[in-house]
Amino acid sequence: MSQQNAPGDATAYVGLPADEAEVRARADGWQTVRRLPKDAIVTMEFMPGRLNLTVEDGAVTRAWIG
């Protein structure tokens, strides 16, 4: 799976409550959904089936593939 054929547009989850975003992402076919606090230190390995969600105050503020 490449970024081009990932399950969907990662930015579609921005603004959603974190719980709802995770449920939707899994239903959309993302293999892994990772929630991260703002400014979290993360590894740089790219995993095309993983959706990363930055969560602040219970809502998704950033979403990206990898």
Protein backbone atom coordinates (compact mmCIF):
# COMPACT_ATOMS: atom_id res chain seq x y z
CA MET A 1 0.00 0.00 0.00
CA SER A 2 1.46 3.37 -0.94
CA GLN A 3 0.45 6.79 0.26
CA GLN A 4 -1.44 7.14 -3.02
CA ASN A 5 -3.68 4.15 -2.29
CA ALA A 6 -4.07 4.68 1.45
CA PRO A 7 -7.63 4.13 2.71
CA GLY A 8 -8.57 7.80 2.49
CA ASP A 9 -7.69 11.43 2.96
CA ALA A 10 -5.96 11.74 6.33
CA THR A 11 -7.06 15.35 6.76
CA ALA A 12 -10.73 14.27 6.80
CA TYR A 13 -10.34 13.40 10.50
CA VAL A 14 -9.16 16.85 11.62
CA GLY A 15 -11.72 18.52 13.89
CA LEU A 16 -13.42 15.28 14.94
CA PRO A 17 -13.48 14.06 18.54
CA ALA A 18 -10.58 11.61 18.93
CA ASP A 19 -12.78 8.60 19.72
CA GLU A 20 -14.99 9.23 16.68
CA ALA A 21 -11.98 9.77 14.42
CA GLU A 22 -10.44 6.47 15.50
CA VAL A 23 -13.67 4.53 14.93
CA ARG A 24 -14.14 6.11 11.50
CA ALA A 25 -10.52 5.53 10.52
CA ARG A 26 -10.70 1.84 11.37
CA ALA A 27 -14.00 1.53 9.49
CA ASP A 28 -12.34 3.28 6.52
CA GLY A 29 -9.67 0.59 6.46
CA TRP A 30 -6.65 2.07 8.22
CA GLN A 31 -4.55 -0.82 9.57
CA THR A 32 -3.15 1.18 12.48
CA VAL A 33 -4.44 4.34 14.12
CA ARG A 34 -2.01 6.10 16.43
CA ARG A 35 -3.07 8.91 18.77
CA LEU A 36 -0.37 11.33 19.77
CA PRO A 37 -0.32 14.34 22.08
CA LYS A 38 0.76 17.70 20.64
CA ASP A 39 4.55 17.93 20.23
CA ALA A 40 5.03 14.19 20.78
CA ILE A 41 8.36 12.75 19.72
CA VAL A 42 7.71 10.03 17.15
CA THR A 43 9.84 7.64 15.15
CA MET A 44 10.43 8.45 11.50
CA GLU A 45 9.69 5.06 9.92
CA PHE A 46 6.95 5.31 7.32
CA MET A 47 4.08 2.83 7.52
CA PRO A 48 1.60 3.46 4.68
CA GLY A 49 -1.32 1.77 6.47
CA ARG A 50 -0.91 3.86 9.63
CA LEU A 51 -2.91 6.99 10.38
CA ASN A 52 -1.35 9.34 12.93
CA LEU A 53 -3.65 11.65 14.86
CA THR A 54 -2.48 14.57 16.98
CA VAL A 55 -5.03 15.04 19.75
CA GLU A 56 -5.51 18.19 21.83
CA ASP A 57 -8.32 18.56 24.36
CA GLY A 58 -10.00 15.43 22.99
CA ALA A 59 -10.12 16.56 19.36
CA VAL A 60 -7.94 15.76 16.36
CA THR A 61 -5.87 18.79 15.36
CA ARG A 62 -3.60 17.10 12.80
CA ALA A 63 -3.74 13.84 10.84
CA TRP A 64 -1.17 12.30 8.51
CA ILE A 65 -0.23 9.03 6.89
CA GLY A 66 2.76 7.08 8.04
